[in-house]
C-alpha atoms as a PDB file:
ATOM      1  CA  MET A   1      20.295  39.505 -12.828  1.00  0.00           C
ATOM      2  CA  LEU A   2      18.160  38.729 -15.697  1.00  0.00           C
ATOM      3  CA  LYS A   3      20.762  36.060 -16.665  1.00  0.00           C
ATOM      4  CA  ARG A   4      20.496  34.438 -13.196  1.00  0.00           C
ATOM      5  CA  SER A   5      16.797  34.337 -13.397  1.00  0.00           C
ATOM      6  CA  VAL A   6      16.722  32.787 -16.804  1.00  0.00           C
ATOM      7  CA  LEU A   7      19.163  30.149 -15.478  1.00  0.00           C
ATOM      8  CA  ALA A   8      17.125  29.250 -12.457  1.00  0.00           C
ATOM      9  CA  VAL A   9      13.737  28.819 -14.382  1.00  0.00           C
ATOM     10  CA  LEU A  10      15.886  26.639 -17.109  1.00  0.00           C
ATOM     11  CA  PHE A  11      17.138  24.533 -14.315  1.00  0.00           C
ATOM     12  CA  VAL A  12      13.831  24.129 -12.661  1.00  0.00           C
ATOM     13  CA  LEU A  13      12.292  23.207 -16.071  1.00  0.00           C
ATOM     14  CA  LEU A  14      15.034  20.903 -16.863  1.00  0.00           C
ATOM     15  CA  PHE A  15      15.168  18.654 -13.583  1.00  0.00           C
ATOM     16  CA  SER A  16      11.299  18.851 -12.873  1.00  0.00           C
ATOM     17  CA  SER A  17       9.452  15.941 -14.222  1.00  0.00           C
ATOM     18  CA  PRO A  18       5.863  15.321 -14.655  1.00  0.00           C
ATOM     19  CA  ALA A  19       6.215  11.967 -13.502  1.00  0.00           C
ATOM     20  CA  LEU A  20       7.403  13.567  -9.990  1.00  0.00           C
ATOM     21  CA  CYS A  21       4.171  15.272  -9.804  1.00  0.00           C
ATOM     22  CA  GLU A  22       1.937  12.229 -10.022  1.00  0.00           C
ATOM     23  CA  LYS A  23       0.802  10.492  -7.310  1.00  0.00           C
ATOM     24  CA  GLN A  24       2.349   7.004  -6.855  1.00  0.00           C
ATOM     25  CA  PHE A  25       0.114   4.398  -5.441  1.00  0.00           C
ATOM     26  CA  VAL A  26       1.514   1.145  -3.706  1.00  0.00           C
ATOM     27  CA  SER A  27       0.725  -1.732  -5.903  1.00  0.00           C
ATOM     28  CA  GLY A  28      -0.159  -5.274  -4.563  1.00  0.00           C
ATOM     29  CA  LYS A  29       3.111  -6.696  -5.893  1.00  0.00           C
ATOM     30  CA  GLN A  30       5.090  -3.999  -3.979  1.00  0.00           C
ATOM     31  CA  LEU A  31       3.212  -4.612  -0.744  1.00  0.00           C
ATOM     32  CA  LEU A  32       3.940  -8.579  -1.255  1.00  0.00           C
ATOM     33  CA  VAL A  33       7.570  -7.616  -1.725  1.00  0.00           C
ATOM     34  CA  ASN A  34       7.763  -5.543   1.340  1.00  0.00           C
ATOM     35  CA  CYS A  35       5.762  -8.457   3.328  1.00  0.00           C
ATOM     36  CA  GLU A  36       8.206 -11.050   2.544  1.00  0.00           C
ATOM     37  CA  SER A  37      11.123  -9.328   2.154  1.00  0.00           C
ATOM     38  CA  GLY A  38      12.774 -10.513   5.440  1.00  0.00           C
ATOM     39  CA  VAL A  39      14.030  -6.994   6.169  1.00  0.00           C
ATOM     40  CA  ASP A  40      12.680  -5.280   9.297  1.00  0.00           C
ATOM     41  CA  TYR A  41      11.972  -2.033   7.614  1.00  0.00           C
ATOM     42  CA  ALA A  42      10.323  -3.328   4.843  1.00  0.00           C
ATOM     43  CA  GLU A  43       8.128  -5.711   6.833  1.00  0.00           C
ATOM     44  CA  GLY A  44       7.221  -2.956   9.153  1.00  0.00           C
ATOM     45  CA  ASN A  45       6.359  -0.741   5.975  1.00  0.00           C
ATOM     46  CA  CYS A  46       3.917  -3.786   5.423  1.00  0.00           C
ATOM     47  CA  THR A  47       2.491  -4.091   8.807  1.00  0.00           C
ATOM     48  CA  GLY A  48       2.011  -0.227   9.064  1.00  0.00           C
ATOM     49  CA  TYR A  49       0.428   0.087   5.393  1.00  0.00           C
ATOM     50  CA  ILE A  50      -2.032  -3.020   6.256  1.00  0.00           C
ATOM     51  CA  SER A  51      -2.910  -1.483   9.471  1.00  0.00           C
ATOM     52  CA  GLY A  52      -3.162   2.074   8.165  1.00  0.00           C
ATOM     53  CA  VAL A  53      -5.656   0.935   5.579  1.00  0.00           C
ATOM     54  CA  PHE A  54      -7.623  -1.454   7.986  1.00  0.00           C
ATOM     55  CA  ASP A  55      -7.873   1.482  10.458  1.00  0.00           C
ATOM     56  CA  ASN A  56      -9.012   3.908   7.982  1.00  0.00           C
ATOM     57  CA  SER A  57     -11.532   1.903   5.740  1.00  0.00           C
ATOM     58  CA  PRO A  58     -15.145   2.401   5.734  1.00  0.00           C
ATOM     59  CA  ILE A  59     -15.663  -0.715   3.622  1.00  0.00           C
ATOM     60  CA  ILE A  60     -13.914  -3.259   6.141  1.00  0.00           C
ATOM     61  CA  ASN A  61     -16.546  -4.419   8.895  1.00  0.00           C
ATOM     62  CA  LYS A  62     -14.465  -4.495  11.780  1.00  0.00           C
ATOM     63  CA  GLN A  63     -17.551  -5.611  14.085  1.00  0.00           C
ATOM     64  CA  CYS A  64     -16.974  -9.207  12.009  1.00  0.00           C
ATOM     65  CA  LEU A  65     -13.625  -9.813  13.144  1.00  0.00           C
ATOM     66  CA  PRO A  66     -12.832 -12.438  15.787  1.00  0.00           C
ATOM     67  CA  GLN A  67     -10.973 -11.087  18.546  1.00  0.00           C
ATOM     68  CA  ASN A  68      -7.837 -12.838  17.911  1.00  0.00           C
ATOM     69  CA  ALA A  69      -7.418 -11.167  14.563  1.00  0.00           C
ATOM     70  CA  THR A  70      -4.434  -9.227  15.623  1.00  0.00           C
ATOM     71  CA  ALA A  71      -2.562  -6.688  13.230  1.00  0.00           C
ATOM     72  CA  GLY A  72      -0.219  -9.948  12.401  1.00  0.00           C
ATOM     73  CA  LYS A  73      -3.152 -12.108  11.878  1.00  0.00           C
ATOM     74  CA  ARG A  74      -4.326  -9.247   9.280  1.00  0.00           C
ATOM     75  CA  VAL A  75      -1.082  -9.272   7.600  1.00  0.00           C
ATOM     76  CA  LYS A  76      -1.060 -13.102   7.219  1.00  0.00           C
ATOM     77  CA  VAL A  77      -4.326 -12.797   5.546  1.00  0.00           C
ATOM     78  CA  VAL A  78      -3.293 -10.447   3.246  1.00  0.00           C
ATOM     79  CA  GLU A  79      -0.123 -12.020   2.133  1.00  0.00           C
ATOM     80  CA  GLU A  80      -2.029 -15.157   1.551  1.00  0.00           C
ATOM     81  CA  TYR A  81      -4.699 -13.312  -0.708  1.00  0.00           C
ATOM     82  CA  LEU A  82      -1.946 -11.737  -2.518  1.00  0.00           C
ATOM     83  CA  LYS A  83      -0.241 -14.914  -3.035  1.00  0.00           C
ATOM     84  CA  GLU A  84      -3.621 -16.661  -4.332  1.00  0.00           C
ATOM     85  CA  HIS A  85      -4.420 -13.811  -6.677  1.00  0.00           C
ATOM     86  CA  PRO A  86      -1.226 -13.100  -8.625  1.00  0.00           C
ATOM     87  CA  GLU A  87      -3.619 -11.750 -11.341  1.00  0.00           C
ATOM     88  CA  ARG A  88      -4.685  -8.623  -9.094  1.00  0.00           C
ATOM     89  CA  LEU A  89      -0.967  -7.514  -8.043  1.00  0.00           C
ATOM     90  CA  HIS A  90      -1.070  -4.820 -10.491  1.00  0.00           C
ATOM     91  CA  THR A  91      -4.180  -3.308  -8.669  1.00  0.00           C
ATOM     92  CA  ILE A  92      -3.783  -0.356  -5.739  1.00  0.00           C
ATOM     93  CA  ALA A  93      -2.655  -2.302  -2.690  1.00  0.00           C
ATOM     94  CA  SER A  94      -5.445  -0.469  -0.577  1.00  0.00           C
ATOM     95  CA  VAL A  95      -8.021  -2.191  -2.496  1.00  0.00           C
ATOM     96  CA  LEU A  96      -6.429  -5.588  -2.053  1.00  0.00           C
ATOM     97  CA  VAL A  97      -6.240  -5.371   1.587  1.00  0.00           C
ATOM     98  CA  GLN A  98      -9.770  -4.402   2.122  1.00  0.00           C
ATOM     99  CA  ALA A  99     -10.756  -7.534  -0.187  1.00  0.00           C
ATOM    100  CA  ALA A 100      -8.569  -9.752   1.654  1.00  0.00           C
ATOM    101  CA  ILE A 101      -9.844  -8.871   5.314  1.00  0.00           C
ATOM    102  CA  ASN A 102     -13.207  -8.823   3.873  1.00  0.00           C
ATOM    103  CA  GLU A 103     -13.223 -12.384   2.222  1.00  0.00           C
ATOM    104  CA  ALA A 104     -11.183 -13.940   5.320  1.00  0.00           C
ATOM    105  CA  PHE A 105     -13.682 -12.471   7.971  1.00  0.00           C
ATOM    106  CA  PRO A 106     -17.160 -12.203   6.256  1.00  0.00           C
ATOM    107  CA  CYS A 107     -20.152 -11.210   8.654  1.00  0.00           C
ATOM    108  CA  LYS A 108     -22.256 -14.131   9.312  1.00  0.00           C
END
């Protein structure tokens, strides 16, 4: 019995990694790859990610968006922003989504 317990503990320690416990964030580069992939699943992930950030961001002033700012339009805005700012692609994607939408649709 003790032998099995020791083996179980060793197994857990051997196959667990501190990296697995760290929270992994989506980078701007990862988001751009998904958006441009041409694969339905990845593009859906891109649209869903951008929509999720948009819906949950207190920083984006949604009252300043034109009525034609659909989810598809927001994705295009974010894609363009990411392409225009390759130096920021290492940044957390949610920050870049907020910056892109606020830049494209400023309050006047």
